[in-house]
């Protein structure tokens, strides 16, 4: 698909949560990348950004003492739009904006749905330390067998994919196959399955947010990962790519 021209508008960062809104020095940044659709050049609905704010706020609270600033990225348009990959380009812009504002700090890209795909695509930026992809939209290979989504940009990053087994919007098997390819080039890749949960991961939201927090703090600030995360990163396929997210993660299973 040819690159689509966009109206004259720019991506932007939402108001900073956490240390970015205080005088405390920022030592790490989480960029939240909302979901979207395959196509569309209209401005995104505000609902997409609002959907990731609870997780953004949770991460900001958990990382405040470490100097974490959290921003939600507001895209120029609502769709991926083929080879234009507008959200991935907006993520790259957001990374440059983080450097401009905060200097040389590590960044964790946290995306949901289409935003997870954007996060994975933008992972090659030097500022990226880690990627968290929640219910990622990862299309099937093309008719000629070639893959739409590269993995070499993940080398040197910590990568976690999380997918509900009952996701009817974005096929969890495709995220598993992507994780398989990623693991071959980057051993620091793992994937958790949320059994019986759907695309929004609402049924096990507390566990998913706890998992996201543990992964982000461990990746950006060298904290010890919870035992299930450490085991998933260390385990060979398929075990480390089909790790079940147990009920109660973040409470009884913290270590």
C-alpha atoms as a PDB file:
ATOM      1  CA  UNK A   1       0.000   0.000   0.000  1.00  0.00           C
ATOM      2  CA  UNK A   2       1.336   3.428  -0.908  1.00  0.00           C
ATOM      3  CA  UNK A   3       2.051   5.812   1.940  1.00  0.00           C
ATOM      4  CA  UNK A   4      -0.996   7.914   2.665  1.00  0.00           C
ATOM      5  CA  UNK A   5      -0.732  11.682   3.024  1.00  0.00           C
ATOM      6  CA  UNK A   6      -1.872  13.002   6.380  1.00  0.00           C
ATOM      7  CA  UNK A   7      -3.538  16.247   7.351  1.00  0.00           C
ATOM      8  CA  UNK A   8      -1.155  18.833   8.785  1.00  0.00           C
ATOM      9  CA  UNK A   9      -0.987  17.783  12.418  1.00  0.00           C
ATOM     10  CA  UNK A  10       1.614  16.306  14.707  1.00  0.00           C
ATOM     11  CA  UNK A  11       1.881  13.522  17.246  1.00  0.00           C
ATOM     12  CA  UNK A  12       2.199  14.657  20.839  1.00  0.00           C
ATOM     13  CA  UNK A  13       2.988  13.396  24.306  1.00  0.00           C
ATOM     14  CA  UNK A  14       0.324  13.502  26.946  1.00  0.00           C
ATOM     15  CA  UNK A  15       0.876  15.249  30.259  1.00  0.00           C
ATOM     16  CA  UNK A  16       3.642  13.484  32.196  1.00  0.00           C
ATOM     17  CA  UNK A  17       2.683  11.252  35.083  1.00  0.00           C
ATOM     18  CA  UNK A  18       5.180  10.532  37.849  1.00  0.00           C
ATOM     19  CA  UNK A  19       8.552  12.247  38.121  1.00  0.00           C
ATOM     20  CA  UNK A  20       8.040  14.089  34.852  1.00  0.00           C
ATOM     21  CA  UNK A  21       5.492  16.284  36.616  1.00  0.00           C
ATOM     22  CA  UNK A  22       7.716  17.161  39.574  1.00  0.00           C
ATOM     23  CA  UNK A  23      11.176  18.516  40.230  1.00  0.00           C
ATOM     24  CA  UNK A  24      12.533  15.006  40.813  1.00  0.00           C
ATOM     25  CA  UNK A  25      15.124  13.957  38.246  1.00  0.00           C
ATOM     26  CA  UNK A  26      13.772  11.639  35.545  1.00  0.00           C
ATOM     27  CA  UNK A  27      15.864   8.480  35.241  1.00  0.00           C
ATOM     28  CA  UNK A  28      13.548   6.385  33.059  1.00  0.00           C
ATOM     29  CA  UNK A  29      10.489   6.812  30.857  1.00  0.00           C
ATOM     30  CA  UNK A  30       7.509   4.632  29.961  1.00  0.00           C
ATOM     31  CA  UNK A  31       5.794   5.501  26.682  1.00  0.00           C
ATOM     32  CA  UNK A  32       2.238   4.154  26.420  1.00  0.00           C
ATOM     33  CA  UNK A  33       1.120   3.456  22.837  1.00  0.00           C
ATOM     34  CA  UNK A  34      -2.682   3.016  22.518  1.00  0.00           C
ATOM     35  CA  UNK A  35      -4.531   0.740  20.154  1.00  0.00           C
ATOM     36  CA  UNK A  36      -6.102   1.585  16.809  1.00  0.00           C
ATOM     37  CA  UNK A  37      -7.134  -0.012  13.542  1.00  0.00           C
ATOM     38  CA  UNK A  38      -5.583  -1.257  10.295  1.00  0.00           C
ATOM     39  CA  UNK A  39      -6.543   1.882   8.352  1.00  0.00           C
ATOM     40  CA  UNK A  40      -7.713   5.422   8.972  1.00  0.00           C
ATOM     41  CA  UNK A  41      -6.173   8.871   8.636  1.00  0.00           C
ATOM     42  CA  UNK A  42      -8.704  10.702  10.769  1.00  0.00           C
ATOM     43  CA  UNK A  43      -7.655  11.909  14.207  1.00  0.00           C
ATOM     44  CA  UNK A  44      -7.830   9.101  16.814  1.00  0.00           C
ATOM     45  CA  UNK A  45     -10.744   8.899  19.179  1.00  0.00           C
ATOM     46  CA  UNK A  46      -9.889  10.167  22.691  1.00  0.00           C
ATOM     47  CA  UNK A  47     -11.172   6.841  23.994  1.00  0.00           C
ATOM     48  CA  UNK A  48      -8.055   5.013  22.785  1.00  0.00           C
ATOM     49  CA  UNK A  49      -5.754   7.167  24.914  1.00  0.00           C
ATOM     50  CA  UNK A  50      -8.112   6.984  27.893  1.00  0.00           C
ATOM     51  CA  UNK A  51      -8.041   3.191  27.712  1.00  0.00           C
ATOM     52  CA  UNK A  52      -4.330   3.051  28.602  1.00  0.00           C
ATOM     53  CA  UNK A  53      -4.375   5.754  31.284  1.00  0.00           C
ATOM     54  CA  UNK A  54      -5.101   3.360  34.182  1.00  0.00           C
ATOM     55  CA  UNK A  55      -1.990   1.347  33.334  1.00  0.00           C
ATOM     56  CA  UNK A  56       0.016   4.548  32.802  1.00  0.00           C
ATOM     57  CA  UNK A  57      -1.023   5.779  36.235  1.00  0.00           C
ATOM     58  CA  UNK A  58      -0.197   2.420  37.832  1.00  0.00           C
ATOM     59  CA  UNK A  59       3.282   2.436  36.321  1.00  0.00           C
ATOM     60  CA  UNK A  60       3.859   6.065  37.339  1.00  0.00           C
ATOM     61  CA  UNK A  61       2.976   5.330  40.971  1.00  0.00           C
ATOM     62  CA  UNK A  62       5.118   2.209  41.098  1.00  0.00           C
ATOM     63  CA  UNK A  63       8.153   3.924  39.582  1.00  0.00           C
ATOM     64  CA  UNK A  64       7.917   7.334  41.248  1.00  0.00           C
ATOM     65  CA  UNK A  65      10.664   6.598  43.777  1.00  0.00           C
ATOM     66  CA  UNK A  66      12.954   5.434  40.957  1.00  0.00           C
ATOM     67  CA  UNK A  67      12.433   8.593  38.891  1.00  0.00           C
ATOM     68  CA  UNK A  68      10.027   7.191  36.289  1.00  0.00           C
ATOM     69  CA  UNK A  69       8.064   9.523  34.025  1.00  0.00           C
ATOM     70  CA  UNK A  70       5.142   8.096  32.083  1.00  0.00           C
ATOM     71  CA  UNK A  71       3.561   9.557  28.945  1.00  0.00           C
ATOM     72  CA  UNK A  72       0.699   8.461  26.701  1.00  0.00           C
ATOM     73  CA  UNK A  73       1.512   9.020  23.022  1.00  0.00           C
ATOM     74  CA  UNK A  74      -1.232  10.700  20.986  1.00  0.00           C
ATOM     75  CA  UNK A  75      -0.996   9.627  17.342  1.00  0.00           C
ATOM     76  CA  UNK A  76      -1.559  11.784  14.296  1.00  0.00           C
ATOM     77  CA  UNK A  77      -4.149   9.359  12.963  1.00  0.00           C
ATOM     78  CA  UNK A  78      -6.086   6.309  14.044  1.00  0.00           C
ATOM     79  CA  UNK A  79      -4.806   3.669  11.598  1.00  0.00           C
ATOM     80  CA  UNK A  80      -1.637   1.734  10.798  1.00  0.00           C
ATOM     81  CA  UNK A  81      -2.098   2.367   7.071  1.00  0.00           C
ATOM     82  CA  UNK A  82       0.036  -0.284   5.445  1.00  0.00           C
ATOM     83  CA  UNK A  83       3.669   0.492   4.755  1.00  0.00           C
ATOM     84  CA  UNK A  84       3.175   4.026   6.076  1.00  0.00           C
ATOM     85  CA  UNK A  85       3.053   2.501   9.580  1.00  0.00           C
ATOM     86  CA  UNK A  86       2.005   5.843  11.021  1.00  0.00           C
ATOM     87  CA  UNK A  87       1.882   4.775  14.703  1.00  0.00           C
ATOM     88  CA  UNK A  88       5.406   3.341  14.509  1.00  0.00           C
ATOM     89  CA  UNK A  89       6.612   6.638  13.050  1.00  0.00           C
ATOM     90  CA  UNK A  90       4.848   8.502  15.843  1.00  0.00           C
ATOM     91  CA  UNK A  91       6.530   6.240  18.386  1.00  0.00           C
ATOM     92  CA  UNK A  92       9.908   7.083  16.841  1.00  0.00           C
ATOM     93  CA  UNK A  93       9.059  10.784  17.103  1.00  0.00           C
ATOM     94  CA  UNK A  94       8.049  10.310  20.755  1.00  0.00           C
ATOM     95  CA  UNK A  95      11.405   8.687  21.513  1.00  0.00           C
ATOM     96  CA  UNK A  96      13.235  11.678  20.057  1.00  0.00           C
ATOM     97  CA  UNK A  97      11.009  13.976  22.108  1.00  0.00           C
ATOM     98  CA  UNK A  98      11.897  12.031  25.271  1.00  0.00           C
ATOM     99  CA  UNK A  99      15.590  12.567  24.551  1.00  0.00           C
ATOM    100  CA  UNK A 100      14.978  16.265  23.979  1.00  0.00           C
ATOM    101  CA  UNK A 101      13.107  16.640  27.255  1.00  0.00           C
ATOM    102  CA  UNK A 102      14.951  14.299  29.580  1.00  0.00           C
ATOM    103  CA  UNK A 103      18.302  13.502  28.009  1.00  0.00           C
ATOM    104  CA  UNK A 104      19.848  10.067  27.741  1.00  0.00           C
ATOM    105  CA  UNK A 105      17.384   7.988  29.794  1.00  0.00           C
ATOM    106  CA  UNK A 106      16.200   4.409  29.136  1.00  0.00           C
ATOM    107  CA  UNK A 107      12.705   3.969  27.728  1.00  0.00           C
ATOM    108  CA  UNK A 108      10.205   1.135  27.959  1.00  0.00           C
ATOM    109  CA  UNK A 109       7.656   1.073  25.137  1.00  0.00           C
ATOM    110  CA  UNK A 110       4.296  -0.223  26.381  1.00  0.00           C
ATOM    111  CA  UNK A 111       1.752  -0.857  23.634  1.00  0.00           C
ATOM    112  CA  UNK A 112      -1.695  -2.401  23.340  1.00  0.00           C
ATOM    113  CA  UNK A 113      -3.144  -3.900  20.156  1.00  0.00           C
ATOM    114  CA  UNK A 114      -1.955  -1.785  17.234  1.00  0.00           C
ATOM    115  CA  UNK A 115       0.188   0.176  19.698  1.00  0.00           C
ATOM    116  CA  UNK A 116       1.976  -3.030  20.651  1.00  0.00           C
ATOM    117  CA  UNK A 117       2.905  -3.530  17.012  1.00  0.00           C
ATOM    118  CA  UNK A 118       4.159   0.067  16.889  1.00  0.00           C
ATOM    119  CA  UNK A 119       6.233  -0.531  20.020  1.00  0.00           C
ATOM    120  CA  UNK A 120       7.851  -3.625  18.537  1.00  0.00           C
ATOM    121  CA  UNK A 121       8.637  -1.800  15.280  1.00  0.00           C
ATOM    122  CA  UNK A 122      10.181   1.188  17.103  1.00  0.00           C
ATOM    123  CA  UNK A 123      12.299  -0.952  19.417  1.00  0.00           C
ATOM    124  CA  UNK A 124      15.459  -0.412  17.396  1.00  0.00           C
ATOM    125  CA  UNK A 125      15.784   3.186  18.587  1.00  0.00           C
ATOM    126  CA  UNK A 126      18.904   3.548  20.793  1.00  0.00           C
ATOM    127  CA  UNK A 127      16.858   4.887  23.718  1.00  0.00           C
ATOM    128  CA  UNK A 128      14.703   1.758  23.951  1.00  0.00           C
ATOM    129  CA  UNK A 129      15.574  -0.531  26.835  1.00  0.00           C
ATOM    130  CA  UNK A 130      12.526  -2.797  26.756  1.00  0.00           C
ATOM    131  CA  UNK A 131       9.175  -3.479  25.079  1.00  0.00           C
ATOM    132  CA  UNK A 132       5.901  -4.650  26.594  1.00  0.00           C
ATOM    133  CA  UNK A 133       3.353  -5.757  23.980  1.00  0.00           C
ATOM    134  CA  UNK A 134      -0.170  -6.343  25.312  1.00  0.00           C
ATOM    135  CA  UNK A 135      -2.607  -8.240  23.058  1.00  0.00           C
ATOM    136  CA  UNK A 136      -0.492  -7.283  20.032  1.00  0.00           C
ATOM    137  CA  UNK A 137      -1.889  -7.013  16.536  1.00  0.00           C
ATOM    138  CA  UNK A 138       0.562  -8.983  14.389  1.00  0.00           C
ATOM    139  CA  UNK A 139      -0.771  -9.871  10.923  1.00  0.00           C
ATOM    140  CA  UNK A 140      -0.217 -13.264   9.360  1.00  0.00           C
ATOM    141  CA  UNK A 141       2.648 -13.708   6.858  1.00  0.00           C
ATOM    142  CA  UNK A 142       2.051 -12.470   3.346  1.00  0.00           C
ATOM    143  CA  UNK A 143       0.978 -14.803   0.569  1.00  0.00           C
ATOM    144  CA  UNK A 144       4.618 -15.224  -0.487  1.00  0.00           C
ATOM    145  CA  UNK A 145       5.539 -16.405   3.015  1.00  0.00           C
ATOM    146  CA  UNK A 146       7.379 -13.246   3.993  1.00  0.00           C
ATOM    147  CA  UNK A 147       6.649 -11.692   7.372  1.00  0.00           C
ATOM    148  CA  UNK A 148       5.188  -8.218   7.770  1.00  0.00           C
ATOM    149  CA  UNK A 149       6.960  -7.614  11.078  1.00  0.00           C
ATOM    150  CA  UNK A 150      10.740  -7.764  11.577  1.00  0.00           C
ATOM    151  CA  UNK A 151      12.414  -8.963  14.781  1.00  0.00           C
ATOM    152  CA  UNK A 152      16.095  -7.996  14.455  1.00  0.00           C
ATOM    153  CA  UNK A 153      15.387  -4.571  15.964  1.00  0.00           C
ATOM    154  CA  UNK A 154      14.629  -6.357  19.250  1.00  0.00           C
ATOM    155  CA  UNK A 155      18.225  -7.498  19.740  1.00  0.00           C
ATOM    156  CA  UNK A 156      19.566  -6.149  23.036  1.00  0.00           C
ATOM    157  CA  UNK A 157      16.113  -5.319  24.439  1.00  0.00           C
ATOM    158  CA  UNK A 158      14.013  -7.046  27.081  1.00  0.00           C
ATOM    159  CA  UNK A 159      10.756  -8.066  25.414  1.00  0.00           C
ATOM    160  CA  UNK A 160       7.515  -9.301  26.976  1.00  0.00           C
ATOM    161  CA  UNK A 161       4.364 -10.201  25.062  1.00  0.00           C
ATOM    162  CA  UNK A 162       1.076 -10.813  26.881  1.00  0.00           C
ATOM    163  CA  UNK A 163      -1.986 -12.273  25.170  1.00  0.00           C
ATOM    164  CA  UNK A 164      -5.382 -13.568  26.226  1.00  0.00           C
ATOM    165  CA  UNK A 165      -6.083 -17.043  24.902  1.00  0.00           C
ATOM    166  CA  UNK A 166      -9.657 -16.037  23.992  1.00  0.00           C
ATOM    167  CA  UNK A 167      -8.720 -12.877  22.091  1.00  0.00           C
ATOM    168  CA  UNK A 168     -11.084 -12.782  19.107  1.00  0.00           C
ATOM    169  CA  UNK A 169      -9.714  -9.509  17.704  1.00  0.00           C
ATOM    170  CA  UNK A 170      -5.991 -10.264  17.429  1.00  0.00           C
ATOM    171  CA  UNK A 171      -5.016 -13.911  17.012  1.00  0.00           C
ATOM    172  CA  UNK A 172      -2.888 -15.085  19.987  1.00  0.00           C
ATOM    173  CA  UNK A 173      -1.305 -17.781  17.817  1.00  0.00           C
ATOM    174  CA  UNK A 174       0.213 -15.065  15.623  1.00  0.00           C
ATOM    175  CA  UNK A 175       1.808 -13.386  18.640  1.00  0.00           C
ATOM    176  CA  UNK A 176       3.236 -16.753  19.653  1.00  0.00           C
ATOM    177  CA  UNK A 177       4.726 -17.247  16.207  1.00  0.00           C
ATOM    178  CA  UNK A 178       6.190 -13.744  16.338  1.00  0.00           C
ATOM    179  CA  UNK A 179       7.663 -14.473  19.780  1.00  0.00           C
ATOM    180  CA  UNK A 180       9.212 -17.664  18.398  1.00  0.00           C
ATOM    181  CA  UNK A 181      11.013 -15.675  15.711  1.00  0.00           C
ATOM    182  CA  UNK A 182      12.046 -13.005  18.198  1.00  0.00           C
ATOM    183  CA  UNK A 183      13.450 -15.547  20.659  1.00  0.00           C
ATOM    184  CA  UNK A 184      15.774 -16.903  17.960  1.00  0.00           C
ATOM    185  CA  UNK A 185      17.563 -13.554  17.667  1.00  0.00           C
ATOM    186  CA  UNK A 186      17.032 -12.202  21.175  1.00  0.00           C
ATOM    187  CA  UNK A 187      17.093 -14.572  24.133  1.00  0.00           C
ATOM    188  CA  UNK A 188      15.627 -11.854  26.387  1.00  0.00           C
ATOM    189  CA  UNK A 189      12.148 -12.460  24.974  1.00  0.00           C
ATOM    190  CA  UNK A 190       9.241 -14.060  26.787  1.00  0.00           C
ATOM    191  CA  UNK A 191       5.485 -14.316  26.464  1.00  0.00           C
ATOM    192  CA  UNK A 192       2.665 -14.855  28.958  1.00  0.00           C
ATOM    193  CA  UNK A 193      -0.732 -16.326  28.171  1.00  0.00           C
ATOM    194  CA  UNK A 194      -3.795 -15.148  30.087  1.00  0.00           C
ATOM    195  CA  UNK A 195      -6.066 -18.159  29.963  1.00  0.00           C
ATOM    196  CA  UNK A 196      -9.752 -17.567  29.198  1.00  0.00           C
ATOM    197  CA  UNK A 197      -9.247 -13.792  28.867  1.00  0.00           C
ATOM    198  CA  UNK A 198     -10.195 -11.764  25.810  1.00  0.00           C
ATOM    199  CA  UNK A 199      -8.649  -8.882  23.915  1.00  0.00           C
ATOM    200  CA  UNK A 200      -9.069  -6.279  26.651  1.00  0.00           C
ATOM    201  CA  UNK A 201      -7.521  -8.551  29.308  1.00  0.00           C
ATOM    202  CA  UNK A 202     -10.209  -7.206  31.615  1.00  0.00           C
ATOM    203  CA  UNK A 203     -10.885 -10.436  33.480  1.00  0.00           C
ATOM    204  CA  UNK A 204      -7.340 -10.557  34.880  1.00  0.00           C
ATOM    205  CA  UNK A 205      -6.584  -6.851  34.769  1.00  0.00           C
ATOM    206  CA  UNK A 206      -4.989  -6.758  38.234  1.00  0.00           C
ATOM    207  CA  UNK A 207      -2.560  -9.552  37.342  1.00  0.00           C
ATOM    208  CA  UNK A 208      -1.737  -8.038  33.938  1.00  0.00           C
ATOM    209  CA  UNK A 209      -0.990  -4.640  35.486  1.00  0.00           C
ATOM    210  CA  UNK A 210       1.140  -6.279  38.182  1.00  0.00           C
ATOM    211  CA  UNK A 211       3.046  -8.200  35.508  1.00  0.00           C
ATOM    212  CA  UNK A 212       3.571  -5.024  33.478  1.00  0.00           C
ATOM    213  CA  UNK A 213       4.832  -3.173  36.552  1.00  0.00           C
ATOM    214  CA  UNK A 214       7.222  -5.938  37.546  1.00  0.00           C
ATOM    215  CA  UNK A 215       8.647  -6.184  34.034  1.00  0.00           C
ATOM    216  CA  UNK A 216       9.060  -2.432  33.603  1.00  0.00           C
ATOM    217  CA  UNK A 217      10.749  -1.833  36.964  1.00  0.00           C
ATOM    218  CA  UNK A 218      13.029  -4.826  36.487  1.00  0.00           C
ATOM    219  CA  UNK A 219      14.015  -3.749  32.983  1.00  0.00           C
ATOM    220  CA  UNK A 220      14.472   0.005  33.494  1.00  0.00           C
ATOM    221  CA  UNK A 221      15.856   0.032  37.038  1.00  0.00           C
ATOM    222  CA  UNK A 222      17.558  -3.362  37.409  1.00  0.00           C
ATOM    223  CA  UNK A 223      15.196  -4.597  40.095  1.00  0.00           C
ATOM    224  CA  UNK A 224      14.871  -8.344  40.508  1.00  0.00           C
ATOM    225  CA  UNK A 225      12.079  -9.759  38.389  1.00  0.00           C
ATOM    226  CA  UNK A 226       9.349 -11.798  40.046  1.00  0.00           C
ATOM    227  CA  UNK A 227      10.122 -15.496  39.797  1.00  0.00           C
ATOM    228  CA  UNK A 228       7.635 -16.234  36.964  1.00  0.00           C
ATOM    229  CA  UNK A 229       9.120 -13.427  34.821  1.00  0.00           C
ATOM    230  CA  UNK A 230      12.689 -14.527  35.479  1.00  0.00           C
ATOM    231  CA  UNK A 231      11.738 -18.127  34.685  1.00  0.00           C
ATOM    232  CA  UNK A 232       9.969 -17.115  31.466  1.00  0.00           C
ATOM    233  CA  UNK A 233      12.978 -15.156  30.231  1.00  0.00           C
ATOM    234  CA  UNK A 234      15.312 -18.057  31.020  1.00  0.00           C
ATOM    235  CA  UNK A 235      13.152 -20.891  29.656  1.00  0.00           C
ATOM    236  CA  UNK A 236      13.595 -22.154  26.084  1.00  0.00           C
ATOM    237  CA  UNK A 237      10.644 -22.293  23.686  1.00  0.00           C
ATOM    238  CA  UNK A 238       7.899 -23.207  23.979  1.00  0.00           C
ATOM    239  CA  UNK A 239       7.859 -22.951  27.790  1.00  0.00           C
ATOM    240  CA  UNK A 240       9.047 -19.358  28.021  1.00  0.00           C
ATOM    241  CA  UNK A 241       6.620 -18.284  25.319  1.00  0.00           C
ATOM    242  CA  UNK A 242       3.519 -19.955  26.761  1.00  0.00           C
ATOM    243  CA  UNK A 243       3.970 -19.008  30.406  1.00  0.00           C
ATOM    244  CA  UNK A 244       0.574 -18.942  32.138  1.00  0.00           C
ATOM    245  CA  UNK A 245      -0.234 -15.792  34.086  1.00  0.00           C
ATOM    246  CA  UNK A 246      -1.430 -17.234  37.363  1.00  0.00           C
ATOM    247  CA  UNK A 247      -4.308 -15.758  39.349  1.00  0.00           C
ATOM    248  CA  UNK A 248      -2.912 -13.674  42.188  1.00  0.00           C
ATOM    249  CA  UNK A 249       0.241 -12.559  40.401  1.00  0.00           C
ATOM    250  CA  UNK A 250       1.455  -9.438  42.159  1.00  0.00           C
ATOM    251  CA  UNK A 251       0.287 -10.630  45.567  1.00  0.00           C
ATOM    252  CA  UNK A 252       1.000 -14.208  46.600  1.00  0.00           C
ATOM    253  CA  UNK A 253       3.331 -14.842  43.649  1.00  0.00           C
ATOM    254  CA  UNK A 254       5.457 -11.697  43.939  1.00  0.00           C
ATOM    255  CA  UNK A 255       8.698 -13.663  44.334  1.00  0.00           C
END
